Amino acid sequence: MTPALELRHYGHDDLSEIRQTLIGVHADVHADRMADDEFRQKFPWFVDHWGGNPGFSCVVAREGDEVVGFAYGAPGADGREWWREYLDPAPEKSSTFHFSELMVREQWRKTGAAERLHRALMDARDDDLAALLVDVTHPKVQALYESWGYRKVGEDQPFPDSPVYAVMIVDLPLP
């Protein structure tokens, strides 16, 4: 069943309003792993990093007073497309939206909420591509992104304490 969601867009100037919401949803989603996973504990830093980008874009979904989840990212700097090394030849059009996070709280999983958040975020973009990273130990998540048109182009471990990720890209606008 698809819940009746209110989807609201936020930008860089709204970060102070939504920062704690994002951190709270992340803590809820990863509650069973937070104490032992130093990388996941760094999430507030990532929120500030991405939110500090002037092009930061976020969509938060609510059902009534409950926060369902969120999706966010920011455009990459021209000439600094980190995914480019995985493609030969790289596409001529390369303005890239770096899709950083998509989180949906447990009770709203498998309801279509994740796809609605993703679609709302991507439909607002005018970039040529979107790029993301997916933990390679989560093949179901990778398959979900593939069902939305993403393709895996390589693997990367961007931080010494991070997981190995599948590098995935999709052409925008989405079909």
Protein backbone atom coordinates (compact mmCIF):
# COMPACT_ATOMS: atom_id res chain seq x y z
CA MET A 1 0.00 0.00 0.00
CA THR A 2 1.32 3.42 -0.94
CA PRO A 3 1.06 5.85 1.97
CA ALA A 4 -0.29 9.39 1.53
CA LEU A 5 2.98 11.27 1.72
CA GLU A 6 3.69 14.95 1.87
CA LEU A 7 6.96 15.56 -0.02
CA ARG A 8 8.73 18.83 0.68
CA HIS A 9 11.84 20.21 -1.02
CA TYR A 10 14.62 21.93 0.92
CA GLY A 11 17.85 23.62 -0.11
CA HIS A 12 21.13 24.83 1.33
CA ASP A 13 19.50 27.72 3.21
CA ASP A 14 17.13 25.30 4.96
CA LEU A 15 19.77 23.02 6.45
CA SER A 16 19.45 24.39 9.99
CA GLU A 17 15.70 23.62 9.83
CA ILE A 18 16.09 19.98 8.72
CA ARG A 19 19.52 18.96 10.02
CA GLN A 20 18.29 17.27 13.19
CA THR A 21 15.47 15.55 11.28
CA LEU A 22 18.00 13.96 8.91
CA ILE A 23 20.26 12.91 11.78
CA GLY A 24 17.29 11.51 13.71
CA VAL A 25 16.03 9.41 10.81
CA HIS A 26 19.56 8.09 10.21
CA ALA A 27 19.89 7.16 13.89
CA ASP A 28 16.52 5.37 13.77
CA VAL A 29 17.30 3.49 10.55
CA HIS A 30 20.72 2.37 11.80
CA ALA A 31 19.96 2.03 15.53
CA ASP A 32 21.16 -1.57 15.71
CA ARG A 33 24.58 -0.70 14.20
CA MET A 34 25.39 2.80 15.44
CA ALA A 35 27.33 1.86 18.60
CA ASP A 36 29.80 -0.38 16.74
CA ASP A 37 30.11 1.41 13.41
CA GLU A 38 32.39 4.43 13.53
CA PHE A 39 31.71 5.27 9.89
CA ARG A 40 27.94 5.51 10.48
CA GLN A 41 28.62 7.71 13.51
CA LYS A 42 30.11 10.28 11.12
CA PHE A 43 26.72 10.93 9.51
CA PRO A 44 26.30 14.43 11.04
CA TRP A 45 29.57 15.42 9.33
CA PHE A 46 28.20 14.18 5.99
CA VAL A 47 24.96 16.14 6.49
CA ASP A 48 26.99 19.30 7.11
CA HIS A 49 29.32 18.55 4.19
CA TRP A 50 26.55 18.02 1.65
CA GLY A 51 24.30 20.69 3.14
CA GLY A 52 27.17 23.16 2.94
CA ASN A 53 27.10 22.95 -0.85
CA PRO A 54 25.11 25.92 -2.26
CA GLY A 55 23.31 23.51 -4.62
CA PHE A 56 22.27 21.10 -1.85
CA SER A 57 18.85 19.63 -2.54
CA CYS A 58 16.77 17.52 -0.15
CA VAL A 59 13.29 16.04 -0.15
CA VAL A 60 11.72 15.00 3.16
CA ALA A 61 8.63 12.78 3.20
CA ARG A 62 6.08 12.92 5.98
CA GLU A 63 2.88 11.04 6.67
CA GLY A 64 0.95 13.26 9.03
CA ASP A 65 3.33 14.25 11.82
CA GLU A 66 5.71 11.33 11.19
CA VAL A 67 8.89 11.69 9.15
CA VAL A 68 8.98 8.80 6.69
CA GLY A 69 12.40 9.42 5.17
CA PHE A 70 14.51 11.69 3.02
CA ALA A 71 16.71 11.89 -0.04
CA TYR A 72 19.47 14.40 -0.67
CA GLY A 73 22.54 15.30 -2.66
CA ALA A 74 24.29 18.17 -4.38
CA PRO A 75 25.71 18.99 -7.80
CA GLY A 76 29.34 18.18 -8.43
CA ALA A 77 31.90 20.75 -9.51
CA ASP A 78 32.58 20.81 -13.26
CA GLY A 79 35.70 18.84 -14.07
CA ARG A 80 35.60 16.97 -10.74
CA GLU A 81 33.28 14.13 -11.69
CA TRP A 82 34.71 11.35 -9.53
CA TRP A 83 32.80 8.69 -11.47
CA ARG A 84 34.48 9.69 -14.78
CA GLU A 85 37.46 7.35 -14.24
CA TYR A 86 35.10 4.36 -14.52
CA LEU A 87 33.87 5.15 -18.04
CA ASP A 88 35.87 5.03 -21.25
CA PRO A 89 34.86 7.07 -23.04
CA ALA A 90 33.16 9.35 -20.54
CA PRO A 91 29.95 11.02 -21.74
CA GLU A 92 30.34 14.45 -23.33
CA LYS A 93 27.57 15.89 -21.18
CA SER A 94 28.69 15.45 -17.63
CA SER A 95 27.05 17.89 -15.22
CA THR A 96 26.43 15.56 -12.32
CA PHE A 97 24.14 15.48 -9.33
CA HIS A 98 25.78 13.46 -6.57
CA PHE A 99 22.94 11.57 -4.95
CA SER A 100 24.26 11.06 -1.43
CA GLU A 101 21.51 9.62 0.76
CA LEU A 102 18.13 7.92 0.60
CA MET A 103 16.66 6.68 3.87
CA VAL A 104 13.21 5.37 4.66
CA ARG A 105 12.18 4.33 8.14
CA GLU A 106 11.32 0.66 8.63
CA GLN A 107 7.52 0.86 8.77
CA TRP A 108 7.38 2.63 5.38
CA ARG A 109 9.69 0.28 3.50
CA LYS A 110 8.22 -1.61 0.56
CA THR A 111 5.43 0.97 0.22
CA GLY A 112 6.87 2.94 -2.70
CA ALA A 113 8.10 5.73 -0.41
CA ALA A 114 11.75 5.32 -1.47
CA GLU A 115 10.89 5.57 -5.16
CA ARG A 116 8.70 8.63 -4.57
CA LEU A 117 11.49 10.37 -2.64
CA HIS A 118 14.01 9.50 -5.34
CA ARG A 119 11.73 10.63 -8.15
CA ALA A 120 10.86 13.91 -6.43
CA LEU A 121 14.55 14.71 -5.91
CA MET A 122 15.64 13.74 -9.43
CA ASP A 123 12.71 15.35 -11.24
CA ALA A 124 13.79 18.70 -9.78
CA ARG A 125 17.29 18.39 -11.30
CA ASP A 126 18.53 19.72 -14.63
CA ASP A 127 21.88 17.90 -14.51
CA ASP A 128 22.95 15.44 -17.22
CA LEU A 129 23.64 12.56 -14.84
CA ALA A 130 23.17 11.40 -11.29
CA ALA A 131 25.86 9.37 -9.54
CA LEU A 132 25.68 7.44 -6.30
CA LEU A 133 27.47 4.86 -4.20
CA VAL A 134 25.88 1.66 -2.84
CA ASP A 135 27.53 -0.62 -0.30
CA VAL A 136 28.43 -3.77 -2.29
CA THR A 137 27.25 -5.95 0.60
CA HIS A 138 23.69 -4.74 -0.09
CA PRO A 139 22.79 -6.31 -3.46
CA LYS A 140 19.06 -5.70 -2.94
CA VAL A 141 19.69 -1.95 -2.68
CA GLN A 142 21.84 -2.07 -5.80
CA ALA A 143 19.09 -3.98 -7.61
CA LEU A 144 16.55 -1.36 -6.54
CA TYR A 145 18.66 1.41 -8.09
CA GLU A 146 19.13 -0.70 -11.23
CA SER A 147 15.34 -0.99 -11.47
CA TRP A 148 15.27 2.83 -11.49
CA GLY A 149 17.72 2.97 -14.43
CA TYR A 150 21.11 3.19 -12.70
CA ARG A 151 24.00 1.11 -13.95
CA LYS A 152 27.07 0.00 -12.03
CA VAL A 153 30.27 1.32 -13.59
CA GLY A 154 32.85 0.36 -10.96
CA GLU A 155 33.68 0.05 -7.28
CA ASP A 156 35.30 2.50 -4.88
CA GLN A 157 36.27 2.85 -1.22
CA PRO A 158 36.32 6.64 -0.75
CA PHE A 159 37.47 6.57 2.89
CA PRO A 160 39.75 4.09 4.67
CA ASP A 161 36.99 3.27 7.17
CA SER A 162 34.12 3.18 4.66
CA PRO A 163 32.66 0.13 2.98
CA VAL A 164 33.48 -0.69 -0.62
CA TYR A 165 30.77 0.83 -2.79
CA ALA A 166 29.35 0.14 -6.22
CA VAL A 167 29.65 3.31 -8.31
CA MET A 168 26.35 3.81 -10.15
CA ILE A 169 25.16 6.41 -12.63
CA VAL A 170 21.94 7.23 -14.47
CA ASP A 171 21.14 9.66 -17.26
CA LEU A 172 18.83 12.54 -16.39
CA PRO A 173 16.04 13.27 -16.78
CA LEU A 174 14.77 9.91 -15.60
CA PRO A 175 12.49 8.10 -18.02
